[in-house]
PDB file of N, CA and C in Angstrom:
ATOM      1  N   VAL A   1     107.286 119.688  86.949  1.00  0.00           N
ATOM      2  CA  VAL A   1     106.908 119.265  88.280  1.00  0.00           C
ATOM      3  C   VAL A   1     107.275 120.349  89.283  1.00  0.00           C
ATOM      4  N   GLN A   2     108.439 120.924  89.126  1.00  0.00           N
ATOM      5  CA  GLN A   2     108.878 121.945  90.076  1.00  0.00           C
ATOM      6  C   GLN A   2     107.968 123.168  90.024  1.00  0.00           C
ATOM      7  N   ALA A   3     107.497 123.544  88.858  1.00  0.00           N
ATOM      8  CA  ALA A   3     106.663 124.729  88.745  1.00  0.00           C
ATOM      9  C   ALA A   3     105.238 124.500  89.257  1.00  0.00           C
ATOM     10  N   LEU A   4     104.681 123.328  88.996  1.00  0.00           N
ATOM     11  CA  LEU A   4     103.280 123.089  89.337  1.00  0.00           C
ATOM     12  C   LEU A   4     103.063 122.316  90.630  1.00  0.00           C
ATOM     13  N   ARG A   5     103.988 121.434  90.987  1.00  0.00           N
ATOM     14  CA  ARG A   5     103.823 120.583  92.171  1.00  0.00           C
ATOM     15  C   ARG A   5     105.129 120.500  92.961  1.00  0.00           C
ATOM     16  N   ALA A   6     105.656 121.625  93.379  1.00  0.00           N
ATOM     17  CA  ALA A   6     106.939 121.665  94.083  1.00  0.00           C
ATOM     18  C   ALA A   6     106.902 120.873  95.389  1.00  0.00           C
ATOM     19  N   ASN A   7     105.742 120.744  96.011  1.00  0.00           N
ATOM     20  CA  ASN A   7     105.649 119.988  97.266  1.00  0.00           C
ATOM     21  C   ASN A   7     105.925 118.500  97.065  1.00  0.00           C
ATOM     22  N   TRP A   8     105.816 117.988  95.855  1.00  0.00           N
ATOM     23  CA  TRP A   8     106.147 116.584  95.580  1.00  0.00           C
ATOM     24  C   TRP A   8     107.640 116.330  95.743  1.00  0.00           C
ATOM     25  N   LEU A   9     108.458 117.347  95.595  1.00  0.00           N
ATOM     26  CA  LEU A   9     109.915 117.195  95.568  1.00  0.00           C
ATOM     27  C   LEU A   9     110.568 117.293  96.945  1.00  0.00           C
ATOM     28  N   THR A  10     109.814 117.667  97.953  1.00  0.00           N
ATOM     29  CA  THR A  10     110.385 117.848  99.283  1.00  0.00           C
ATOM     30  C   THR A  10     110.119 116.632 100.163  1.00  0.00           C
ATOM     31  N   THR A  11     111.073 116.348 101.028  1.00  0.00           N
ATOM     32  CA  THR A  11     110.886 115.244 101.966  1.00  0.00           C
ATOM     33  C   THR A  11     110.050 115.724 103.138  1.00  0.00           C
ATOM     34  N   ARG A  12     109.417 114.788 103.818  1.00  0.00           N
ATOM     35  CA  ARG A  12     108.467 115.114 104.873  1.00  0.00           C
ATOM     36  C   ARG A  12     109.043 114.988 106.277  1.00  0.00           C
ATOM     37  N   GLY A  13     110.333 114.985 106.435  1.00  0.00           N
ATOM     38  CA  GLY A  13     110.953 114.813 107.737  1.00  0.00           C
ATOM     39  C   GLY A  13     111.769 113.532 107.756  1.00  0.00           C
ATOM     40  N   PRO A  14     112.620 113.380 108.751  1.00  0.00           N
ATOM     41  CA  PRO A  14     113.498 112.203 108.782  1.00  0.00           C
ATOM     42  C   PRO A  14     112.719 110.924 109.057  1.00  0.00           C
ATOM     43  N   ASP A  15     113.075 109.874 108.331  1.00  0.00           N
ATOM     44  CA  ASP A  15     112.482 108.564 108.606  1.00  0.00           C
ATOM     45  C   ASP A  15     113.537 107.571 109.070  1.00  0.00           C
ATOM     46  N   SER A  16     114.779 108.048 109.204  1.00  0.00           N
ATOM     47  CA  SER A  16     115.872 107.211 109.690  1.00  0.00           C
ATOM     48  C   SER A  16     116.969 108.119 110.235  1.00  0.00           C
ATOM     49  N   PHE A  17     117.662 107.648 111.248  1.00  0.00           N
ATOM     50  CA  PHE A  17     118.770 108.437 111.797  1.00  0.00           C
ATOM     51  C   PHE A  17     120.046 108.243 110.995  1.00  0.00           C
ATOM     52  N   GLN A  18     120.176 107.104 110.332  1.00  0.00           N
ATOM     53  CA  GLN A  18     121.398 106.810 109.588  1.00  0.00           C
ATOM     54  C   GLN A  18     121.333 107.315 108.149  1.00  0.00           C
ATOM     55  N   ARG A  19     120.208 107.109 107.499  1.00  0.00           N
ATOM     56  CA  ARG A  19     120.051 107.501 106.099  1.00  0.00           C
ATOM     57  C   ARG A  19     118.768 108.310 105.932  1.00  0.00           C
ATOM     58  N   PRO A  20     118.861 109.557 105.517  1.00  0.00           N
ATOM     59  CA  PRO A  20     117.621 110.296 105.286  1.00  0.00           C
ATOM     60  C   PRO A  20     116.879 109.738 104.074  1.00  0.00           C
ATOM     61  N   GLY A  21     115.575 109.743 104.134  1.00  0.00           N
ATOM     62  CA  GLY A  21     114.772 109.231 103.030  1.00  0.00           C
ATOM     63  C   GLY A  21     114.755 110.192 101.862  1.00  0.00           C
ATOM     64  N   ILE A  22     114.476 109.649 100.691  1.00  0.00           N
ATOM     65  CA  ILE A  22     114.368 110.476  99.488  1.00  0.00           C
ATOM     66  C   ILE A  22     113.069 110.121  98.778  1.00  0.00           C
ATOM     67  N   VAL A  23     112.635 111.030  97.928  1.00  0.00           N
ATOM     68  CA  VAL A  23     111.488 110.768  97.070  1.00  0.00           C
ATOM     69  C   VAL A  23     112.008 110.009  95.854  1.00  0.00           C
ATOM     70  N   TRP A  24     111.482 108.823  95.616  1.00  0.00           N
ATOM     71  CA  TRP A  24     111.922 108.000  94.500  1.00  0.00           C
ATOM     72  C   TRP A  24     111.151 108.354  93.237  1.00  0.00           C
ATOM     73  N   VAL A  25     111.791 108.140  92.082  1.00  0.00           N
ATOM     74  CA  VAL A  25     111.157 108.358  90.783  1.00  0.00           C
ATOM     75  C   VAL A  25     111.078 107.023  90.065  1.00  0.00           C
ATOM     76  N   TYR A  26     109.877 106.701  89.594  1.00  0.00           N
ATOM     77  CA  TYR A  26     109.646 105.484  88.815  1.00  0.00           C
ATOM     78  C   TYR A  26     109.205 105.879  87.421  1.00  0.00           C
ATOM     79  N   LEU A  27     109.803 105.256  86.416  1.00  0.00           N
ATOM     80  CA  LEU A  27     109.428 105.463  85.025  1.00  0.00           C
ATOM     81  C   LEU A  27     108.818 104.171  84.520  1.00  0.00           C
ATOM     82  N   ASP A  28     107.527 104.188  84.248  1.00  0.00           N
ATOM     83  CA  ASP A  28     106.811 102.996  83.787  1.00  0.00           C
ATOM     84  C   ASP A  28     107.085 101.794  84.686  1.00  0.00           C
ATOM     85  N   ASP A  29     106.952 101.970  85.986  1.00  0.00           N
ATOM     86  CA  ASP A  29     107.117 100.922  87.006  1.00  0.00           C
ATOM     87  C   ASP A  29     108.541 100.402  87.164  1.00  0.00           C
ATOM     88  N   SER A  30     109.531 101.146  86.672  1.00  0.00           N
ATOM     89  CA  SER A  30     110.937 100.812  86.906  1.00  0.00           C
ATOM     90  C   SER A  30     111.577 101.955  87.682  1.00  0.00           C
ATOM     91  N   ARG A  31     112.241 101.632  88.783  1.00  0.00           N
ATOM     92  CA  ARG A  31     112.839 102.681  89.615  1.00  0.00           C
ATOM     93  C   ARG A  31     114.056 103.277  88.930  1.00  0.00           C
ATOM     94  N   LEU A  32     114.022 104.615  88.773  1.00  0.00           N
ATOM     95  CA  LEU A  32     115.151 105.333  88.188  1.00  0.00           C
ATOM     96  C   LEU A  32     116.127 105.790  89.256  1.00  0.00           C
ATOM     97  N   GLY A  33     115.615 106.345  90.333  1.00  0.00           N
ATOM     98  CA  GLY A  33     116.458 106.887  91.391  1.00  0.00           C
ATOM     99  C   GLY A  33     115.763 108.054  92.049  1.00  0.00           C
ATOM    100  N   GLY A  34     116.531 109.034  92.489  1.00  0.00           N
ATOM    101  CA  GLY A  34     115.994 110.202  93.163  1.00  0.00           C
ATOM    102  C   GLY A  34     115.389 111.204  92.193  1.00  0.00           C
ATOM    103  N   ILE A  35     114.967 112.339  92.747  1.00  0.00           N
ATOM    104  CA  ILE A  35     114.268 113.323  91.929  1.00  0.00           C
ATOM    105  C   ILE A  35     115.143 113.978  90.865  1.00  0.00           C
ATOM    106  N   ASP A  36     116.457 113.893  91.010  1.00  0.00           N
ATOM    107  CA  ASP A  36     117.338 114.447  89.987  1.00  0.00           C
ATOM    108  C   ASP A  36     117.196 113.714  88.659  1.00  0.00           C
ATOM    109  N   HIS A  37     116.669 112.499  88.668  1.00  0.00           N
ATOM    110  CA  HIS A  37     116.467 111.739  87.438  1.00  0.00           C
ATOM    111  C   HIS A  37     115.283 112.247  86.614  1.00  0.00           C
ATOM    112  N   LEU A  38     114.463 113.104  87.187  1.00  0.00           N
ATOM    113  CA  LEU A  38     113.355 113.674  86.419  1.00  0.00           C
ATOM    114  C   LEU A  38     113.858 114.494  85.238  1.00  0.00           C
ATOM    115  N   ARG A  39     115.031 115.103  85.392  1.00  0.00           N
ATOM    116  CA  ARG A  39     115.592 115.927  84.311  1.00  0.00           C
ATOM    117  C   ARG A  39     115.992 115.095  83.090  1.00  0.00           C
ATOM    118  N   SER A  40     116.226 113.809  83.268  1.00  0.00           N
ATOM    119  CA  SER A  40     116.660 112.964  82.154  1.00  0.00           C
ATOM    120  C   SER A  40     115.500 112.436  81.307  1.00  0.00           C
ATOM    121  N   ILE A  41     114.277 112.719  81.713  1.00  0.00           N
ATOM    122  CA  ILE A  41     113.108 112.227  80.978  1.00  0.00           C
ATOM    123  C   ILE A  41     112.641 113.323  80.023  1.00  0.00           C
ATOM    124  N   PRO A  42     112.624 113.038  78.708  1.00  0.00           N
ATOM    125  CA  PRO A  42     112.163 114.054  77.747  1.00  0.00           C
ATOM    126  C   PRO A  42     110.674 114.364  77.963  1.00  0.00           C
ATOM    127  N   PRO A  43     110.317 115.632  78.120  1.00  0.00           N
ATOM    128  CA  PRO A  43     108.918 115.985  78.378  1.00  0.00           C
ATOM    129  C   PRO A  43     107.962 115.556  77.270  1.00  0.00           C
ATOM    130  N   THR A  44     108.445 115.440  76.052  1.00  0.00           N
ATOM    131  CA  THR A  44     107.560 115.049  74.952  1.00  0.00           C
ATOM    132  C   THR A  44     107.115 113.589  75.053  1.00  0.00           C
ATOM    133  N   ASN A  45     107.840 112.775  75.802  1.00  0.00           N
ATOM    134  CA  ASN A  45     107.487 111.366  75.969  1.00  0.00           C
ATOM    135  C   ASN A  45     106.555 111.115  77.151  1.00  0.00           C
ATOM    136  N   VAL A  46     106.328 112.124  77.991  1.00  0.00           N
ATOM    137  CA  VAL A  46     105.544 111.935  79.219  1.00  0.00           C
ATOM    138  C   VAL A  46     104.054 111.976  78.906  1.00  0.00           C
ATOM    139  N   GLN A  47     103.363 110.932  79.337  1.00  0.00           N
ATOM    140  CA  GLN A  47     101.908 110.882  79.186  1.00  0.00           C
ATOM    141  C   GLN A  47     101.223 111.409  80.445  1.00  0.00           C
ATOM    142  N   SER A  48     101.709 110.976  81.615  1.00  0.00           N
ATOM    143  CA  SER A  48     101.145 111.456  82.877  1.00  0.00           C
ATOM    144  C   SER A  48     102.162 111.292  83.998  1.00  0.00           C
ATOM    145  N   ILE A  49     101.940 112.052  85.068  1.00  0.00           N
ATOM    146  CA  ILE A  49     102.775 111.998  86.262  1.00  0.00           C
ATOM    147  C   ILE A  49     101.833 111.977  87.453  1.00  0.00           C
ATOM    148  N   ARG A  50     102.155 111.147  88.445  1.00  0.00           N
ATOM    149  CA  ARG A  50     101.357 111.154  89.664  1.00  0.00           C
ATOM    150  C   ARG A  50     102.264 110.963  90.864  1.00  0.00           C
ATOM    151  N   TYR A  51     101.797 111.466  92.004  1.00  0.00           N
ATOM    152  CA  TYR A  51     102.522 111.335  93.251  1.00  0.00           C
ATOM    153  C   TYR A  51     101.825 110.296  94.115  1.00  0.00           C
ATOM    154  N   VAL A  52     102.612 109.395  94.693  1.00  0.00           N
ATOM    155  CA  VAL A  52     102.101 108.402  95.629  1.00  0.00           C
ATOM    156  C   VAL A  52     102.690 108.744  96.988  1.00  0.00           C
ATOM    157  N   ASP A  53     101.826 108.955  97.987  1.00  0.00           N
ATOM    158  CA  ASP A  53     102.325 109.352  99.303  1.00  0.00           C
ATOM    159  C   ASP A  53     103.104 108.221  99.968  1.00  0.00           C
ATOM    160  N   GLY A  54     103.795 108.563 101.046  1.00  0.00           N
ATOM    161  CA  GLY A  54     104.703 107.633 101.710  1.00  0.00           C
ATOM    162  C   GLY A  54     104.038 106.362 102.222  1.00  0.00           C
ATOM    163  N   ILE A  55     102.834 106.471 102.745  1.00  0.00           N
ATOM    164  CA  ILE A  55     102.145 105.292 103.284  1.00  0.00           C
ATOM    165  C   ILE A  55     101.797 104.313 102.168  1.00  0.00           C
ATOM    166  N   GLN A  56     101.209 104.817 101.099  1.00  0.00           N
ATOM    167  CA  GLN A  56     100.860 103.949  99.974  1.00  0.00           C
ATOM    168  C   GLN A  56     102.096 103.415  99.265  1.00  0.00           C
ATOM    169  N   ALA A  57     103.137 104.257  99.139  1.00  0.00           N
ATOM    170  CA  ALA A  57     104.364 103.824  98.478  1.00  0.00           C
ATOM    171  C   ALA A  57     105.064 102.738  99.284  1.00  0.00           C
ATOM    172  N   SER A  58     105.080 102.868 100.609  1.00  0.00           N
ATOM    173  CA  SER A  58     105.696 101.842 101.456  1.00  0.00           C
ATOM    174  C   SER A  58     104.942 100.530 101.362  1.00  0.00           C
ATOM    175  N   ALA A  59     103.629 100.602 101.269  1.00  0.00           N
ATOM    176  CA  ALA A  59     102.834  99.384 101.151  1.00  0.00           C
ATOM    177  C   ALA A  59     103.076  98.689  99.816  1.00  0.00           C
ATOM    178  N   ARG A  60     103.320  99.462  98.767  1.00  0.00           N
ATOM    179  CA  ARG A  60     103.500  98.871  97.432  1.00  0.00           C
ATOM    180  C   ARG A  60     104.938  98.463  97.139  1.00  0.00           C
ATOM    181  N   TRP A  61     105.913  99.352  97.462  1.00  0.00           N
ATOM    182  CA  TRP A  61     107.294  99.107  97.060  1.00  0.00           C
ATOM    183  C   TRP A  61     108.242  98.776  98.204  1.00  0.00           C
ATOM    184  N   GLY A  62     107.843  98.947  99.440  1.00  0.00           N
ATOM    185  CA  GLY A  62     108.714  98.630 100.561  1.00  0.00           C
ATOM    186  C   GLY A  62     108.947  99.810 101.479  1.00  0.00           C
ATOM    187  N   LEU A  63     109.529  99.516 102.631  1.00  0.00           N
ATOM    188  CA  LEU A  63     109.675 100.513 103.688  1.00  0.00           C
ATOM    189  C   LEU A  63     110.636 101.642 103.352  1.00  0.00           C
ATOM    190  N   ASP A  64     111.531 101.464 102.393  1.00  0.00           N
ATOM    191  CA  ASP A  64     112.456 102.547 102.046  1.00  0.00           C
ATOM    192  C   ASP A  64     111.805 103.601 101.136  1.00  0.00           C
ATOM    193  N   HIS A  65     110.497 103.533 100.954  1.00  0.00           N
ATOM    194  CA  HIS A  65     109.760 104.490 100.132  1.00  0.00           C
ATOM    195  C   HIS A  65     108.871 105.396 100.977  1.00  0.00           C
ATOM    196  N   GLY A  66     109.246 105.617 102.217  1.00  0.00           N
ATOM    197  CA  GLY A  66     108.443 106.386 103.150  1.00  0.00           C
ATOM    198  C   GLY A  66     108.273 107.856 102.818  1.00  0.00           C
ATOM    199  N   GLN A  67     109.116 108.396 101.954  1.00  0.00           N
ATOM    200  CA  GLN A  67     108.991 109.802 101.559  1.00  0.00           C
ATOM    201  C   GLN A  67     108.095 109.990 100.343  1.00  0.00           C
ATOM    202  N   GLY A  68     107.692 108.895  99.736  1.00  0.00           N
ATOM    203  CA  GLY A  68     106.802 108.976  98.583  1.00  0.00           C
ATOM    204  C   GLY A  68     107.498 108.630  97.285  1.00  0.00           C
ATOM    205  N   VAL A  69     106.687 108.553  96.234  1.00  0.00           N
ATOM    206  CA  VAL A  69     107.156 108.172  94.896  1.00  0.00           C
ATOM    207  C   VAL A  69     106.498 109.086  93.876  1.00  0.00           C
ATOM    208  N   ILE A  70     107.269 109.487  92.879  1.00  0.00           N
ATOM    209  CA  ILE A  70     106.722 110.169  91.712  1.00  0.00           C
ATOM    210  C   ILE A  70     106.749 109.167  90.572  1.00  0.00           C
ATOM    211  N   GLN A  71     105.570 108.828  90.068  1.00  0.00           N
ATOM    212  CA  GLN A  71     105.465 107.884  88.951  1.00  0.00           C
ATOM    213  C   GLN A  71     105.302 108.663  87.656  1.00  0.00           C
ATOM    214  N   VAL A  72     106.128 108.332  86.675  1.00  0.00           N
ATOM    215  CA  VAL A  72     106.059 108.947  85.358  1.00  0.00           C
ATOM    216  C   VAL A  72     105.694 107.863  84.357  1.00  0.00           C
ATOM    217  N   PHE A  73     104.655 108.119  83.590  1.00  0.00           N
ATOM    218  CA  PHE A  73     104.222 107.164  82.579  1.00  0.00           C
ATOM    219  C   PHE A  73     104.473 107.781  81.211  1.00  0.00           C
ATOM    220  N   THR A  74     105.086 106.998  80.315  1.00  0.00           N
ATOM    221  CA  THR A  74     105.396 107.495  78.977  1.00  0.00           C
ATOM    222  C   THR A  74     104.447 106.890  77.958  1.00  0.00           C
ATOM    223  N   ARG A  75     104.506 107.453  76.790  1.00  0.00           N
ATOM    224  CA  ARG A  75     103.633 106.993  75.684  1.00  0.00           C
ATOM    225  C   ARG A  75     104.159 105.743  75.071  1.00  0.00           C
TER     226      ARG A  75
END
């Protein structure tokens, strides 16, 4: 992801004064955590990866997803 889609890993500006937003990672529709959790997923198990922008992610998962979501689907 870092080599091909590095822009997915960066936040788009502050969405809160108290807590800065982060890009969330979902593995097969289960939230893992921040982008550091991408390293724990074996690449051989990955079927596809997609980025969901902040507006669509907030509509689907809630307002704390304003920075976007990286969805990882495994085999």
